[in-house]
Protein backbone atom coordinates (compact mmCIF):
# COMPACT_ATOMS: atom_id res chain seq x y z
CA MET A 1 86.35 156.84 95.49
CA PRO A 2 85.94 158.73 92.88
CA PRO A 3 88.97 161.65 92.53
CA ARG A 4 87.32 165.17 94.17
CA LYS A 5 86.54 167.07 91.60
CA ASP A 6 88.20 170.80 92.30
CA THR A 7 86.65 174.24 91.97
CA ASP A 8 87.34 176.61 88.31
CA ALA A 9 88.59 179.71 90.13
CA SER A 10 88.92 181.01 86.92
CA ALA A 11 85.35 181.24 85.65
CA ASN A 12 84.51 183.59 87.85
CA VAL A 13 84.14 185.50 91.42
CA PRO A 14 82.06 183.32 92.85
CA SER A 15 84.33 180.31 91.75
CA PHE A 16 87.14 182.03 92.72
CA TYR A 17 86.05 182.93 96.55
CA GLY A 18 85.46 179.52 97.40
CA ALA A 19 88.51 178.24 95.20
CA GLU A 20 90.21 180.28 97.71
CA LEU A 21 88.43 178.67 100.39
CA ARG A 22 88.93 175.22 100.19
CA TYR A 23 92.76 176.14 99.97
CA LYS A 24 92.68 177.92 103.25
CA ARG A 25 90.61 176.07 105.01
CA GLU A 26 92.49 172.56 103.96
CA ALA A 27 95.68 174.64 104.56
CA ALA A 28 94.71 175.17 107.61
CA GLY A 29 94.21 171.20 108.48
CA PHE A 30 90.09 171.89 109.11
CA THR A 31 87.22 169.28 107.30
CA LEU A 32 84.00 171.00 106.54
CA GLU A 33 82.97 169.42 110.00
CA GLN A 34 85.20 171.93 111.76
CA LEU A 35 85.17 175.11 110.28
CA ALA A 36 81.03 174.98 110.15
CA ASP A 37 81.35 173.77 114.13
CA GLY A 38 79.75 176.98 115.86
CA SER A 39 78.52 178.71 112.89
CA PHE A 40 74.88 178.48 112.13
CA ARG A 41 75.32 176.76 108.98
CA GLY A 42 74.78 173.29 107.71
CA VAL A 43 78.39 171.45 105.77
CA PRO A 44 76.58 170.80 102.91
CA PHE A 45 75.85 175.00 103.69
CA LEU A 46 80.04 175.94 103.20
CA SER A 47 80.20 173.18 100.06
CA GLN A 48 78.03 174.97 97.92
CA ILE A 49 80.66 178.04 98.64
CA GLU A 50 83.49 176.02 98.49
CA ARG A 51 81.91 175.00 94.11
CA GLY A 52 80.90 178.68 93.72
CA GLU A 53 77.44 177.94 93.89
CA ARG A 54 75.95 179.90 96.80
CA ARG A 55 77.65 183.37 99.02
CA MET A 56 78.61 183.66 101.81
CA PRO A 57 77.52 185.81 103.36
CA PRO A 58 78.22 188.01 106.57
CA ASP A 59 77.95 186.70 109.22
CA LEU A 60 79.72 183.17 108.24
CA ALA A 61 82.84 185.03 106.21
CA ARG A 62 83.29 186.67 109.89
CA HIS A 63 83.44 182.81 111.51
CA VAL A 64 85.79 181.88 108.49
CA ASP A 65 88.05 184.68 109.34
CA ALA A 66 87.92 184.24 112.75
CA LYS A 67 88.26 180.05 112.78
CA LEU A 68 91.24 180.70 109.72
CA GLY A 69 93.28 183.33 110.98
CA THR A 70 92.60 185.10 107.44
CA ASP A 71 92.72 188.32 108.22
CA GLY A 72 89.12 189.54 107.40
CA PHE A 73 89.76 188.56 103.50
CA PHE A 74 86.62 186.20 103.46
CA GLU A 75 84.46 189.39 105.09
CA ARG A 76 85.86 192.13 102.67
CA ARG A 77 85.42 189.69 99.60
CA CYS A 78 82.02 188.54 100.05
CA GLU A 79 80.57 191.46 99.04
CA ASP A 80 81.94 191.06 95.51
CA ALA A 81 81.35 187.55 95.54
CA ARG A 82 77.42 188.27 96.10
CA ARG A 83 77.90 191.58 92.89
CA ALA A 84 79.07 188.70 90.84
CA LYS A 85 76.11 186.55 91.54
CA GLN A 86 73.09 189.51 90.75
CA SER A 87 72.64 188.51 86.86
CA GLY A 88 69.51 190.89 85.93
CA HIS A 89 68.18 191.45 88.98
CA ALA A 90 67.81 194.68 91.40
CA GLU A 91 71.45 194.98 93.55
CA TYR A 92 68.69 194.43 97.11
CA PHE A 93 67.04 191.68 94.98
CA ALA A 94 70.24 189.74 94.45
CA ASP A 95 70.56 186.82 97.52
CA VAL A 96 67.19 185.99 97.67
CA ALA A 97 67.04 185.08 93.89
CA GLU A 98 70.53 182.54 95.30
CA MET A 99 68.92 181.55 97.84
CA GLU A 100 65.09 180.00 95.95
CA PRO A 101 66.92 177.04 94.79
CA TYR A 102 68.55 175.90 97.96
CA ALA A 103 65.08 176.62 99.88
CA GLU A 104 62.63 173.66 101.85
CA THR A 105 59.52 176.07 102.20
CA ILE A 106 58.77 179.23 100.11
CA GLU A 107 55.79 181.68 101.54
CA GLU A 108 54.68 184.15 100.36
CA TRP A 109 52.13 187.11 100.70
CA ALA A 110 51.33 189.10 97.64
CA PRO A 111 49.08 192.26 98.64
CA MET A 112 49.98 193.91 94.79
CA LEU A 113 51.78 192.07 92.82
CA VAL A 114 51.63 188.45 90.91
CA PRO A 115 55.02 187.42 92.76
CA GLY A 116 58.01 186.39 89.96
CA LEU A 117 57.90 183.04 90.62
CA LEU A 118 54.06 183.10 89.57
CA GLN A 119 54.52 185.80 86.60
CA THR A 120 54.34 184.88 82.42
CA ALA A 121 57.00 187.24 81.13
CA ALA A 122 54.17 189.97 79.63
CA TYR A 123 53.52 190.35 83.80
CA ALA A 124 57.09 190.44 84.28
CA THR A 125 57.66 192.77 81.33
CA ALA A 126 54.75 195.62 82.36
CA VAL A 127 55.66 195.59 85.77
CA SER A 128 59.12 196.66 84.69
CA ARG A 129 57.94 199.46 82.54
CA THR A 130 55.52 200.88 85.02
CA THR A 131 57.52 201.31 88.12
CA LEU A 132 61.09 202.03 86.35
CA PRO A 133 59.52 203.53 82.96
CA TRP A 134 63.27 205.32 82.61
CA LEU A 135 64.71 201.80 82.07
CA ARG A 136 66.45 201.41 78.69
CA PRO A 137 64.75 198.08 76.31
CA ALA A 138 67.91 195.91 76.51
CA VAL A 139 68.04 196.49 81.27
CA VAL A 140 64.16 195.13 80.85
CA GLU A 141 64.54 192.61 78.58
CA LYS A 142 68.02 190.86 80.90
CA GLN A 143 65.37 191.73 84.19
CA VAL A 144 62.33 189.41 82.25
CA HIS A 145 64.48 186.93 81.86
CA ALA A 146 66.41 186.80 85.76
CA ARG A 147 62.47 186.51 86.40
CA MET A 148 61.99 184.03 83.85
CA GLU A 149 64.93 181.60 85.33
CA ARG A 150 64.21 181.78 88.39
CA ALA A 151 60.76 180.07 87.81
CA LYS A 152 62.79 176.72 86.10
CA LEU A 153 63.24 175.89 89.81
CA TRP A 154 59.40 174.98 89.33
CA ASP A 155 60.62 171.85 87.05
CA ARG A 156 63.05 170.59 89.51
CA GLU A 157 62.27 167.13 91.24
CA ASP A 158 63.85 168.35 95.25
CA ARG A 159 61.62 171.74 93.89
CA PRO A 160 60.48 173.87 97.05
CA ALA A 161 56.99 173.71 99.08
CA PHE A 162 55.20 176.46 98.08
CA TRP A 163 52.11 179.08 99.44
CA VAL A 164 51.21 182.00 98.67
CA ILE A 165 49.05 184.32 99.43
CA LEU A 166 47.42 186.55 96.57
CA ASN A 167 45.02 189.62 97.94
CA GLU A 168 41.89 188.64 95.87
CA LEU A 169 42.23 192.64 93.94
CA LEU A 170 45.13 190.90 92.39
CA ILE A 171 43.29 189.37 89.46
CA ARG A 172 40.79 191.71 89.49
CA ARG A 173 42.37 194.55 88.79
CA PRO A 174 44.22 193.73 85.02
CA LEU A 175 48.11 194.84 84.90
CA LEU A 176 47.92 194.04 80.86
CA PRO A 177 45.67 193.14 77.83
CA HIS A 178 42.67 190.89 78.88
CA GLU A 179 43.75 187.35 77.14
CA GLU A 180 47.55 188.12 78.66
CA MET A 181 46.06 188.80 81.92
CA ALA A 182 44.06 185.40 81.89
CA ASP A 183 47.64 183.59 80.74
CA GLN A 184 48.89 185.03 83.49
CA LEU A 185 46.16 183.74 85.76
CA ASP A 186 45.99 180.09 84.02
CA ARG A 187 50.37 180.77 85.13
CA ILE A 188 49.23 180.93 88.35
CA ALA A 189 46.69 177.54 88.51
CA HIS A 190 48.91 175.89 87.02
CA VAL A 191 51.96 176.26 88.91
CA VAL A 192 49.85 175.72 91.75
CA ARG A 193 48.47 172.51 90.61
CA SER A 194 51.43 171.29 89.01
CA THR A 195 53.32 171.05 91.64
CA GLN A 196 51.50 169.98 94.71
CA SER A 197 51.43 174.36 96.05
CA VAL A 198 48.52 175.86 98.80
CA LEU A 199 47.53 179.36 97.35
CA GLN A 200 44.64 181.67 99.08
CA LEU A 201 43.34 184.26 98.28
CA LEU A 202 42.65 187.29 100.71
CA PRO A 203 38.77 188.08 100.18
CA GLU A 204 39.09 191.99 98.77
CA THR A 205 36.12 192.30 101.34
CA ALA A 206 38.80 192.13 103.90
CA ALA A 207 39.87 195.25 105.26
CA ALA A 208 42.24 194.80 108.15
CA HIS A 209 43.89 191.81 108.82
CA PRO A 210 47.43 190.46 109.55
CA MET A 211 50.50 191.79 107.90
CA MET A 212 48.49 195.09 105.77
CA MET A 213 51.90 196.74 105.58
CA GLY A 214 53.53 195.21 102.62
CA MET A 215 54.85 191.99 101.21
CA THR A 216 56.96 188.61 101.70
CA LYS A 217 59.08 186.06 101.63
CA THR A 218 59.48 183.56 103.72
CA MET A 219 62.19 180.96 103.13
CA THR A 220 63.11 178.05 105.03
CA PHE A 221 66.37 175.99 104.77
CA PRO A 222 67.83 172.03 105.77
CA ASP A 223 71.03 173.33 106.11
CA ALA A 224 70.21 177.26 107.55
CA PRO A 225 68.34 179.54 110.07
CA PRO A 226 64.97 181.17 108.13
CA VAL A 227 64.89 184.31 106.66
CA VAL A 228 62.41 186.82 105.82
CA TYR A 229 62.57 188.83 102.54
CA THR A 230 60.05 192.98 102.62
CA GLU A 231 60.80 195.14 100.12
CA GLY A 232 59.18 198.15 98.81
CA LEU A 233 59.46 200.46 95.64
CA HIS A 234 62.81 200.93 95.48
CA SER A 235 64.39 199.24 97.96
CA GLY A 236 64.45 195.12 100.25
CA GLN A 237 64.90 193.77 103.30
CA LEU A 238 66.83 190.37 104.35
CA ILE A 239 65.75 190.00 108.14
CA ASP A 240 67.49 187.26 109.44
CA TYR A 241 67.09 188.01 113.88
CA PRO A 242 65.18 185.24 115.04
CA ALA A 243 63.13 186.92 116.89
CA LEU A 244 61.64 189.03 114.07
CA VAL A 245 61.51 186.25 111.57
CA LYS A 246 59.48 184.14 114.09
CA ASP A 247 56.84 187.07 114.31
CA TYR A 248 56.99 187.01 111.08
CA ARG A 249 56.28 183.79 111.03
CA ARG A 250 53.22 184.23 113.31
CA SER A 251 51.79 187.24 110.93
CA TYR A 252 52.01 184.85 108.17
CA ASP A 253 49.63 181.70 110.15
CA LEU A 254 46.94 184.56 111.14
CA LEU A 255 46.52 186.25 107.52
CA ARG A 256 46.67 182.61 106.21
CA ALA A 257 43.11 182.14 108.76
CA ALA A 258 42.06 184.91 107.30
CA ALA A 259 41.92 184.01 103.70
CA LEU A 260 39.34 181.70 101.77
CA SER A 261 40.18 177.76 101.38
CA PRO A 262 42.40 176.82 99.01
CA GLU A 263 39.80 174.97 96.63
CA ALA A 264 37.92 178.33 96.99
CA SER A 265 40.81 180.63 95.64
CA LEU A 266 41.55 177.99 92.73
CA ALA A 267 38.72 178.39 91.41
CA MET A 268 38.17 182.11 91.58
CA ILE A 269 41.80 181.62 89.70
CA ASP A 270 39.91 179.43 86.99
CA ALA A 271 36.65 181.92 86.78
CA ALA A 272 38.54 184.90 86.75
CA ALA A 273 40.79 183.48 83.36
CA GLU A 274 37.70 182.67 81.97
CA ASP A 275 36.08 185.85 82.60
CA PHE A 276 38.71 187.44 81.24
CA ARG A 277 39.18 185.49 78.15
CA HIS A 278 35.33 185.97 77.26
CA GLY A 279 34.92 189.62 77.75
CA LYS A 280 32.82 189.39 81.32
CA HIS A 281 35.50 190.61 83.50
CA ARG A 282 34.09 191.90 86.32
CA HIS A 283 35.41 195.25 88.03
């Protein structure tokens, strides 16, 4: 068996946090399986925390403190690790950005904006400048870079299974000049086709429909319970309460039934991109 590779605790705050967790666990004589027992998390999840790859959520920090007798150390420090992982994302979105690469499935409902995982740099820039016009150009650039980095998960072999439902109005109302809007629609179609994902459009004629109150993102994991993320203008909420998650997922299933078929939806994306490119945009 090759020797274990220890985490470089000096690399960053999450790595220091993970190295300390491993040290305390081994000093207490616990295996990863024993430490995970009684929590809602799996062994791979704990192992990733020890390697500095994932943040420890508060519920698990409390569980670890209780098992290892560490007097609340990990619960007090998990906020430091979370802030260190933000990397250009809004504070309320940092946990979601960290979770995405480990998701088994991602399901999104986007009524107002193209989801970040599908945005081009031009679209991401326009969103930041429109919604937060007071940001300095350097901050906008950092945000756009962070969003483009998130999209690299589409290049992975073990990428999440992805299902996205867009409001048809998103492809009818150009946020960008027409040529750039065509590029944005081409990007959506390319990601969906190249990753064998599913896209549906909710028709603009659907005045009443499930989930009328705003965007949602649901993520499931092989080693942790599912979560739902909802977002407003300047805030977001990560929901992990099982009964609420179940309600959101049932509503998403109803939304799927109200949306157009994947084949018809992709055809409309392609047609809208061509219309924008050739000056035939339908208002």
